[in-house]
Amino acid sequence: MEANADQADSGKAAWQTTSINHERIHGRIYTTSGFLDEAAAAQTAGVVSSTLVQGGRILSPRANECRPSESPPSRAILREGDLAVVLVRRVGDSALVTPEHAGCTATRSIGIIRAEPHIVRWLRIWLQTPTAKARIDEDVTAHVEPTISLDTLNRMLFPLPPPDVINAYHRAFGLIEEMTALYQETARKAVELADALHDDWASTSPPWETRPLAKVAKSKTGKGSERSLPPLPAEPTIDVTDVVAPKDLYDLPAPHVQRFRLSSPSSDGEAHPPGTLLLSTRSDGAHIVVLSRPATPLRGVVAIRPGEDEDGWWLLHELRSRSSDIARLAQGQNGREISAGALKRLEVTWPDRFARTDFHAMADPLHAAARLLVAKIATLHTLRDALLRDISAKAGVLREPTADPEEQSAPALRPTAALHYGA
């Protein structure tokens, strides 16, 4: 659907409403989905599943093994410029397909949108807006896990600004994502450097003594679940405290969080103070953060408080070095049930007081840098969310587009023809 002249001149006129189904009539959009089973993604080179579409990018350790020239023609083959949309679990997340992943095969948890570049770029942004997320939530089914159908995406209304407006938004969001990725990688490297320093110190000869964790720190298992949290008070004057679930500790670039997603009314004696380590597990190991503000852990999260504040960095990196050992202490499916009782007998390397103090002096500036970068990432996320809310506001109320006479009589595109779109 082409923008009118006024829109092209100013970009401030009301954006036209359309849908993927509406655009397919003119051959401007083609959609399909993958068909491989999810299990194939973990065992086959060059397969992209929903778990690999994160943060606006496709994260695939086996991406270099995609070989489009060797792949037979298939609707599930990703092309450069396609939009890969998650249909299962993190529904609505999406990423543009880059040359690195062109030729990879999508699993059935991925929807594929192929269109003119400015439309694909816009859809990736639009799917992040509050309006789009609310619309997707209306049609999500959860027999086993949250799922949407490709038909839901095809029917969903969306505004279509002029190409120059789309390009401006695309550039802004791209810069936000690039800066976020840079800060995340730098924060990760700062902590990995502290890990390397710890490993060097821990391997001294003769070896340092070892002690059970219970001898050097106090541990307490969290309780309750997200569903059990009381509603937040309507009065802004009532204090609230951060609440931490196991999944809030997964996949962090550094063991620092500016603010957690959950909160509840403050309760005396429940929150743990800054400097406390919060630990959760899953099959890939232990995941740990250091609190910078009071927080309350839920079930599946263990709070660990070192005996002395200056022991915190040594204890953090010692536990990170014991990640696999800690995961083996966990119970339940995928090793996600860890408790203070299971951890208390964990043997940790414990240098003398002077060595721990010296390590603290070396590691503290690295963690200060990581905390600053995490704060910058939070600022970028706030900016991104403000832009997305602004886009929703500019879109206003979305109404069904009016079909032109030629659209009403035009036949739908056949998939065999649409597969060659943009070739």
Protein backbone atom coordinates (compact mmCIF):
# COMPACT_ATOMS: atom_id res chain seq x y z
CA MET A 1 0.00 0.00 0.00
CA GLU A 2 1.63 3.25 -1.15
CA ALA A 3 1.62 6.31 1.05
CA ASN A 4 -0.14 9.40 -0.25
CA ALA A 5 1.75 12.56 -1.25
CA ASP A 6 1.06 14.39 2.02
CA GLN A 7 2.50 11.52 4.01
CA ALA A 8 5.60 11.39 1.85
CA ASP A 9 6.13 15.14 2.28
CA SER A 10 5.80 15.38 6.05
CA GLY A 11 5.52 11.93 7.54
CA LYS A 12 3.07 13.45 10.04
CA ALA A 13 -0.26 12.55 8.44
CA ALA A 14 -2.27 9.64 9.77
CA TRP A 15 -0.56 6.40 8.85
CA GLN A 16 -2.55 4.10 6.61
CA THR A 17 -3.73 0.81 8.07
CA THR A 18 -3.06 -2.45 6.30
CA SER A 19 -2.42 -6.13 7.01
CA ILE A 20 -0.25 -8.86 5.62
CA ASN A 21 -3.29 -10.43 3.95
CA HIS A 22 -4.14 -7.05 2.41
CA GLU A 23 -0.61 -6.60 1.07
CA ARG A 24 -0.45 -10.14 -0.37
CA ILE A 25 -3.08 -9.23 -2.93
CA HIS A 26 -0.57 -6.94 -4.64
CA GLY A 27 2.27 -9.44 -4.22
CA ARG A 28 4.16 -7.21 -1.80
CA ILE A 29 4.30 -9.80 1.01
CA TYR A 30 4.67 -13.56 1.12
CA THR A 31 4.48 -15.58 4.34
CA THR A 32 5.17 -19.17 5.23
CA SER A 33 6.63 -21.15 8.12
CA GLY A 34 9.30 -23.75 8.68
CA PHE A 35 8.43 -27.41 8.98
CA LEU A 36 11.40 -29.13 10.64
CA ASP A 37 10.93 -30.53 14.12
CA GLU A 38 12.51 -28.55 16.97
CA ALA A 39 14.77 -31.48 17.85
CA ALA A 40 16.46 -31.09 14.47
CA ALA A 41 17.79 -27.66 15.43
CA ALA A 42 20.02 -29.09 18.13
CA GLN A 43 21.39 -31.92 15.98
CA THR A 44 21.53 -30.53 12.44
CA ALA A 45 23.83 -27.86 11.05
CA GLY A 46 22.22 -24.77 9.55
CA VAL A 47 18.83 -25.05 11.30
CA VAL A 48 17.25 -21.99 12.96
CA SER A 49 14.71 -22.51 15.72
CA SER A 50 12.78 -20.07 17.91
CA THR A 51 15.36 -20.33 20.69
CA LEU A 52 17.95 -18.76 18.38
CA VAL A 53 15.89 -15.64 17.61
CA GLN A 54 16.72 -13.25 20.45
CA GLY A 55 17.24 -9.54 20.85
CA GLY A 56 16.46 -8.78 17.23
CA ARG A 57 19.18 -11.14 16.00
CA ILE A 58 19.57 -14.79 15.06
CA LEU A 59 22.05 -16.40 17.43
CA SER A 60 23.33 -19.60 15.92
CA PRO A 61 26.65 -21.21 16.78
CA ARG A 62 26.39 -23.27 13.62
CA ALA A 63 25.43 -20.45 11.27
CA ASN A 64 28.56 -20.81 9.15
CA GLU A 65 27.37 -24.28 8.13
CA CYS A 66 24.40 -22.91 6.18
CA ARG A 67 24.98 -23.75 2.52
CA PRO A 68 22.14 -22.44 0.33
CA SER A 69 23.71 -23.83 -2.85
CA GLU A 70 23.59 -27.35 -1.44
CA SER A 71 20.03 -27.13 -0.07
CA PRO A 72 17.11 -28.38 -2.16
CA PRO A 73 14.38 -25.80 -2.84
CA SER A 74 12.11 -25.49 0.16
CA ARG A 75 9.68 -22.96 1.56
CA ALA A 76 11.55 -23.20 4.87
CA ILE A 77 14.87 -21.92 3.49
CA LEU A 78 15.62 -18.45 4.87
CA ARG A 79 16.71 -15.72 2.49
CA GLU A 80 18.61 -12.54 3.22
CA GLY A 81 16.12 -9.80 4.13
CA ASP A 82 13.41 -12.19 5.38
CA LEU A 83 11.83 -11.57 8.76
CA ALA A 84 11.95 -14.62 11.04
CA VAL A 85 9.11 -14.42 13.59
CA VAL A 86 8.85 -16.62 16.68
CA LEU A 87 5.54 -18.50 16.83
CA VAL A 88 6.17 -20.55 19.99
CA ARG A 89 7.12 -19.51 23.55
CA ARG A 90 8.49 -15.95 23.02
CA VAL A 91 5.74 -15.24 20.51
CA GLY A 92 6.22 -12.19 18.33
CA ASP A 93 9.99 -11.87 18.76
CA SER A 94 11.61 -11.40 15.38
CA ALA A 95 14.90 -10.88 13.56
CA LEU A 96 16.00 -9.89 10.08
CA VAL A 97 17.87 -12.61 8.21
CA THR A 98 21.41 -11.48 7.39
CA PRO A 99 23.80 -13.00 4.80
CA GLU A 100 25.27 -15.04 7.66
CA HIS A 101 22.04 -17.02 8.00
CA ALA A 102 20.74 -16.94 4.42
CA GLY A 103 20.29 -20.54 3.33
CA CYS A 104 19.54 -21.85 6.81
CA THR A 105 16.40 -23.92 7.31
CA ALA A 106 13.67 -22.78 9.71
CA THR A 107 11.84 -25.04 12.14
CA ARG A 108 8.06 -25.01 12.49
CA SER A 109 8.34 -22.56 15.42
CA ILE A 110 9.45 -19.86 12.96
CA GLY A 111 7.21 -17.81 10.68
CA ILE A 112 8.85 -16.31 7.60
CA ILE A 113 7.77 -12.94 6.17
CA ARG A 114 9.22 -11.95 2.78
CA ALA A 115 8.51 -8.45 1.46
CA GLU A 116 10.00 -5.22 0.23
CA PRO A 117 12.85 -4.14 2.55
CA HIS A 118 11.07 -1.16 4.11
CA ILE A 119 7.98 -3.26 4.93
CA VAL A 120 10.01 -6.04 6.54
CA ARG A 121 12.02 -3.52 8.55
CA TRP A 122 8.82 -1.86 9.72
CA LEU A 123 7.16 -5.11 10.74
CA ARG A 124 10.15 -6.02 12.90
CA ILE A 125 9.71 -2.72 14.77
CA TRP A 126 5.91 -2.86 14.87
CA LEU A 127 5.83 -6.34 16.42
CA GLN A 128 7.65 -4.90 19.46
CA THR A 129 5.05 -2.18 20.13
CA PRO A 130 2.51 -2.42 22.99
CA THR A 131 -0.32 -2.43 20.42
CA ALA A 132 1.08 -5.41 18.50
CA LYS A 133 1.96 -7.34 21.66
CA ALA A 134 -1.56 -6.86 23.03
CA ARG A 135 -3.07 -8.04 19.74
CA ILE A 136 -0.85 -11.13 19.68
CA ASP A 137 -1.72 -11.93 23.31
CA GLU A 138 -5.41 -12.01 22.36
CA ASP A 139 -4.81 -14.97 20.02
CA VAL A 140 -2.12 -16.83 21.96
CA THR A 141 -2.99 -20.41 22.80
CA ALA A 142 -1.19 -22.29 25.56
CA HIS A 143 -2.08 -25.97 25.47
CA VAL A 144 1.56 -26.74 26.27
CA GLU A 145 3.38 -23.42 25.72
CA PRO A 146 2.37 -20.01 24.30
CA THR A 147 1.77 -20.32 20.57
CA ILE A 148 0.37 -18.19 17.76
CA SER A 149 -0.49 -19.26 14.24
CA LEU A 150 0.83 -17.78 11.04
CA ASP A 151 -2.76 -16.89 10.21
CA THR A 152 -2.83 -14.60 13.26
CA LEU A 153 0.12 -12.66 11.86
CA ASN A 154 -1.48 -12.51 8.43
CA ARG A 155 -4.71 -11.03 9.84
CA MET A 156 -3.10 -8.58 12.26
CA LEU A 157 -3.60 -4.94 11.32
CA PHE A 158 -0.60 -2.64 11.31
CA PRO A 159 0.08 0.96 10.27
CA LEU A 160 2.33 1.61 7.29
CA PRO A 161 4.20 4.94 7.40
CA PRO A 162 6.00 6.36 4.35
CA PRO A 163 9.32 4.67 3.49
CA ASP A 164 11.39 7.64 4.68
CA VAL A 165 9.74 7.51 8.10
CA ILE A 166 10.35 3.77 8.28
CA ASN A 167 14.00 4.23 7.35
CA ALA A 168 14.44 6.83 10.11
CA TYR A 169 12.97 4.46 12.71
CA HIS A 170 15.02 1.57 11.33
CA ARG A 171 18.22 3.57 11.75
CA ALA A 172 17.31 4.64 15.29
CA PHE A 173 16.45 1.14 16.46
CA GLY A 174 19.50 -0.29 14.71
CA LEU A 175 21.80 2.12 16.56
CA ILE A 176 20.13 1.29 19.88
CA GLU A 177 20.66 -2.42 19.24
CA GLU A 178 24.28 -1.94 18.15
CA MET A 179 25.10 0.11 21.25
CA THR A 180 23.32 -2.42 23.47
CA ALA A 181 25.29 -5.29 21.93
CA LEU A 182 28.55 -3.36 22.36
CA TYR A 183 27.86 -2.60 26.02
CA GLN A 184 26.79 -6.20 26.68
CA GLU A 185 29.96 -7.61 25.14
CA THR A 186 32.17 -5.15 27.02
CA ALA A 187 30.46 -5.92 30.34
CA ARG A 188 30.82 -9.64 29.64
CA LYS A 189 34.54 -9.26 28.91
CA ALA A 190 35.13 -7.25 32.10
CA VAL A 191 33.64 -10.05 34.19
CA GLU A 192 35.49 -12.73 32.20
CA LEU A 193 38.73 -10.91 32.96
CA ALA A 194 37.90 -11.09 36.66
CA ASP A 195 37.13 -14.82 36.13
CA ALA A 196 40.59 -15.27 34.61
CA LEU A 197 42.25 -13.46 37.53
CA HIS A 198 40.36 -15.70 39.95
CA ASP A 199 41.39 -18.86 38.12
CA ASP A 200 45.02 -17.75 38.23
CA TRP A 201 44.89 -17.03 41.95
CA ALA A 202 42.97 -20.21 42.74
CA SER A 203 45.59 -22.37 41.00
CA THR A 204 48.46 -21.18 43.21
CA SER A 205 50.93 -23.76 44.48
CA PRO A 206 50.82 -24.97 47.18
CA PRO A 207 47.02 -24.96 46.88
CA TRP A 208 44.80 -22.89 49.12
CA GLU A 209 42.60 -24.67 51.64
CA THR A 210 39.01 -25.56 50.79
CA ARG A 211 35.98 -25.03 53.00
CA PRO A 212 32.29 -25.95 52.82
CA LEU A 213 30.19 -23.05 51.62
CA ALA A 214 28.30 -23.08 54.92
CA LYS A 215 31.54 -22.07 56.70
CA VAL A 216 32.11 -18.91 54.66
CA ALA A 217 28.60 -17.70 53.79
CA LYS A 218 24.96 -17.84 54.87
CA SER A 219 22.46 -19.26 52.41
CA LYS A 220 18.68 -19.13 52.27
CA THR A 221 16.28 -20.63 49.73
CA GLY A 222 13.63 -18.37 48.25
CA LYS A 223 9.95 -19.19 48.52
CA GLY A 224 6.74 -18.53 46.67
CA SER A 225 6.12 -18.12 42.95
CA GLU A 226 5.20 -15.38 40.53
CA ARG A 227 1.54 -16.35 40.81
CA SER A 228 1.63 -15.94 44.59
CA LEU A 229 2.85 -12.34 44.48
CA PRO A 230 0.36 -9.81 45.91
CA PRO A 231 -0.85 -7.04 43.59
CA LEU A 232 1.14 -3.82 43.60
CA PRO A 233 -0.43 -0.99 45.62
CA ALA A 234 -2.21 1.77 43.78
CA GLU A 235 -0.66 4.39 46.08
CA PRO A 236 2.79 5.40 44.80
CA THR A 237 3.86 6.24 48.36
CA ILE A 238 3.97 2.57 49.41
CA ASP A 239 7.45 1.06 49.13
CA VAL A 240 7.99 -1.92 46.84
CA THR A 241 10.88 -4.38 46.65
CA ASP A 242 12.36 -6.20 43.66
CA VAL A 243 11.41 -9.88 43.41
CA VAL A 244 13.61 -12.37 41.58
CA ALA A 245 12.50 -15.54 39.78
CA PRO A 246 14.96 -18.16 38.44
CA LYS A 247 14.54 -17.10 34.82
CA ASP A 248 15.53 -13.53 35.70
CA LEU A 249 19.09 -14.77 36.23
CA TYR A 250 19.46 -16.60 32.91
CA ASP A 251 21.45 -15.32 29.92
CA LEU A 252 22.69 -12.09 31.51
CA PRO A 253 25.79 -10.46 29.97
CA ALA A 254 27.17 -9.75 33.47
CA PRO A 255 26.18 -10.70 37.05
CA HIS A 256 24.56 -7.31 37.58
CA VAL A 257 20.97 -6.14 37.01
CA GLN A 258 19.81 -2.52 37.10
CA ARG A 259 16.25 -3.45 38.07
CA PHE A 260 14.33 -6.71 38.04
CA ARG A 261 11.03 -7.10 36.19
CA LEU A 262 8.99 -8.20 39.25
CA SER A 263 8.23 -6.31 42.45
CA SER A 264 5.95 -6.56 45.48
CA PRO A 265 5.08 -4.45 48.52
CA SER A 266 8.04 -4.28 50.90
CA SER A 267 7.93 -6.71 53.82
CA ASP A 268 10.29 -6.53 56.77
CA GLY A 269 12.76 -9.38 56.94
CA GLU A 270 12.03 -10.79 53.47
CA ALA A 271 14.40 -8.77 51.27
CA HIS A 272 18.13 -9.46 51.12
CA PRO A 273 20.55 -6.48 51.18
CA PRO A 274 22.86 -5.25 48.41
CA GLY A 275 25.95 -7.41 48.02
CA THR A 276 23.97 -10.65 48.38
CA LEU A 277 24.51 -13.23 45.64
CA LEU A 278 21.38 -14.74 44.08
CA LEU A 279 21.87 -18.12 42.39
CA SER A 280 19.66 -20.32 40.23
CA THR A 281 20.44 -23.34 38.06
CA ARG A 282 19.44 -25.10 34.89
CA SER A 283 21.07 -27.82 32.80
CA ASP A 284 23.79 -25.50 31.48
CA GLY A 285 25.07 -24.58 34.95
CA ALA A 286 24.68 -21.99 37.68
CA HIS A 287 23.49 -18.43 37.03
CA ILE A 288 24.41 -15.75 39.56
CA VAL A 289 23.86 -12.02 40.12
CA VAL A 290 25.07 -9.61 42.78
CA LEU A 291 22.33 -7.43 44.23
CA SER A 292 22.81 -3.68 43.97
CA ARG A 293 19.51 -3.03 45.78
CA PRO A 294 17.35 -5.06 48.19
CA ALA A 295 15.46 -7.96 46.59
CA THR A 296 13.44 -11.02 47.54
CA PRO A 297 14.13 -14.41 45.85
CA LEU A 298 11.35 -16.77 44.81
CA ARG A 299 11.45 -20.57 44.87
CA GLY A 300 14.35 -21.93 42.83
CA VAL A 301 16.63 -19.02 43.78
CA VAL A 302 19.14 -19.21 46.65
CA ALA A 303 20.39 -16.08 48.42
CA ILE A 304 24.05 -16.33 49.50
CA ARG A 305 25.57 -13.72 51.80
CA PRO A 306 29.37 -13.81 52.39
CA GLY A 307 30.60 -13.49 55.95
CA GLU A 308 32.55 -10.32 55.07
CA ASP A 309 31.68 -7.76 52.40
CA GLU A 310 35.19 -7.86 50.97
CA ASP A 311 34.83 -11.60 50.36
CA GLY A 312 32.01 -10.99 47.89
CA TRP A 313 34.00 -10.87 44.67
CA TRP A 314 36.07 -13.92 45.54
CA LEU A 315 32.94 -15.88 46.46
CA LEU A 316 31.16 -14.79 43.26
CA HIS A 317 33.97 -15.94 40.98
CA GLU A 318 34.55 -19.10 42.99
CA LEU A 319 30.88 -20.05 42.52
CA ARG A 320 31.08 -19.15 38.81
CA SER A 321 34.08 -21.49 38.50
CA ARG A 322 32.00 -24.22 40.20
CA SER A 323 29.05 -23.77 37.82
CA SER A 324 28.92 -27.40 36.63
CA ASP A 325 29.39 -28.78 40.15
CA ILE A 326 26.51 -26.63 41.41
CA ALA A 327 24.23 -27.74 38.57
CA ARG A 328 24.80 -31.37 39.55
CA LEU A 329 23.48 -30.59 43.04
CA ALA A 330 20.14 -29.40 41.65
CA GLN A 331 17.05 -31.57 41.44
CA GLY A 332 14.05 -31.74 39.15
CA GLN A 333 13.56 -31.53 35.41
CA ASN A 334 16.43 -29.69 33.67
CA GLY A 335 18.19 -29.23 37.02
CA ARG A 336 16.24 -26.15 38.08
CA GLU A 337 15.51 -26.97 41.73
CA ILE A 338 18.42 -25.77 43.84
CA SER A 339 18.31 -25.18 47.59
CA ALA A 340 20.48 -23.75 50.34
CA GLY A 341 20.62 -27.22 51.88
CA ALA A 342 22.13 -28.69 48.72
CA LEU A 343 24.74 -25.94 48.53
CA LYS A 344 25.96 -25.89 52.12
CA ARG A 345 28.38 -28.80 51.61
CA LEU A 346 29.82 -27.43 48.36
CA GLU A 347 33.61 -27.22 48.73
CA VAL A 348 35.05 -23.84 47.73
CA THR A 349 38.65 -22.71 47.43
CA TRP A 350 39.33 -20.19 50.20
CA PRO A 351 42.61 -18.21 50.25
CA ASP A 352 43.83 -16.38 53.33
CA ARG A 353 42.30 -13.06 54.31
CA PHE A 354 45.09 -10.98 52.74
CA ALA A 355 44.75 -12.72 49.36
CA ARG A 356 40.97 -12.28 49.36
CA THR A 357 41.40 -8.59 50.15
CA ASP A 358 43.93 -8.15 47.34
CA PHE A 359 41.63 -9.94 44.89
CA HIS A 360 38.76 -7.65 45.90
CA ALA A 361 40.95 -4.62 45.09
CA MET A 362 41.69 -6.00 41.61
CA ALA A 363 38.17 -7.21 40.75
CA ASP A 364 36.21 -4.24 42.11
CA PRO A 365 37.08 -1.80 39.24
CA LEU A 366 36.12 -4.45 36.68
CA HIS A 367 32.73 -4.95 38.30
CA ALA A 368 32.27 -1.20 38.63
CA ALA A 369 32.76 -0.93 34.87
CA ALA A 370 30.33 -3.79 34.26
CA ARG A 371 27.69 -2.17 36.51
CA LEU A 372 28.05 1.13 34.64
CA LEU A 373 27.57 -0.63 31.30
CA VAL A 374 24.51 -2.47 32.61
CA ALA A 375 23.08 0.91 33.67
CA LYS A 376 23.71 2.26 30.15
CA ILE A 377 21.94 -0.77 28.68
CA ALA A 378 18.93 -0.08 30.92
CA THR A 379 18.87 3.52 29.65
CA LEU A 380 18.88 2.29 26.05
CA HIS A 381 16.02 -0.11 26.84
CA THR A 382 14.06 2.81 28.33
CA LEU A 383 14.65 4.84 25.18
CA ARG A 384 13.58 1.94 22.97
CA ASP A 385 10.39 1.41 24.99
CA ALA A 386 9.55 5.11 24.79
CA LEU A 387 9.93 5.02 21.00
CA LEU A 388 7.69 1.95 20.79
CA ARG A 389 5.00 3.63 22.91
CA ASP A 390 5.25 6.70 20.68
CA ILE A 391 4.76 4.54 17.57
CA SER A 392 1.65 2.96 19.11
CA ALA A 393 0.29 6.42 19.91
CA LYS A 394 0.95 7.71 16.39
CA ALA A 395 -0.74 4.63 14.91
CA GLY A 396 -3.91 5.40 16.87
CA VAL A 397 -6.93 3.16 16.37
CA LEU A 398 -6.34 0.61 13.60
CA ARG A 399 -9.30 0.03 11.32
CA GLU A 400 -9.77 -2.54 8.59
CA PRO A 401 -8.33 -1.22 5.31
CA THR A 402 -10.78 -0.55 2.51
CA ALA A 403 -10.14 -2.79 -0.49
CA ASP A 404 -9.72 -1.11 -3.87
CA PRO A 405 -11.92 -2.43 -6.69
CA GLU A 406 -9.01 -4.20 -8.33
CA GLU A 407 -8.09 -5.80 -4.99
CA GLN A 408 -11.55 -7.26 -4.55
CA SER A 409 -11.31 -9.14 -7.84
CA ALA A 410 -7.60 -10.03 -7.70
CA PRO A 411 -6.81 -13.69 -6.99
CA ALA A 412 -4.51 -14.59 -4.12
CA LEU A 413 -0.91 -15.34 -5.01
CA ARG A 414 0.08 -18.96 -5.35
CA PRO A 415 2.88 -20.02 -3.00
CA THR A 416 4.91 -21.45 -5.89
CA ALA A 417 5.04 -18.04 -7.54
CA ALA A 418 5.56 -16.15 -4.30
CA LEU A 419 8.63 -18.21 -3.42
CA HIS A 420 10.46 -16.33 -6.16
CA TYR A 421 9.52 -12.96 -4.71
CA GLY A 422 12.47 -10.58 -4.63
CA ALA A 423 14.79 -12.99 -6.47
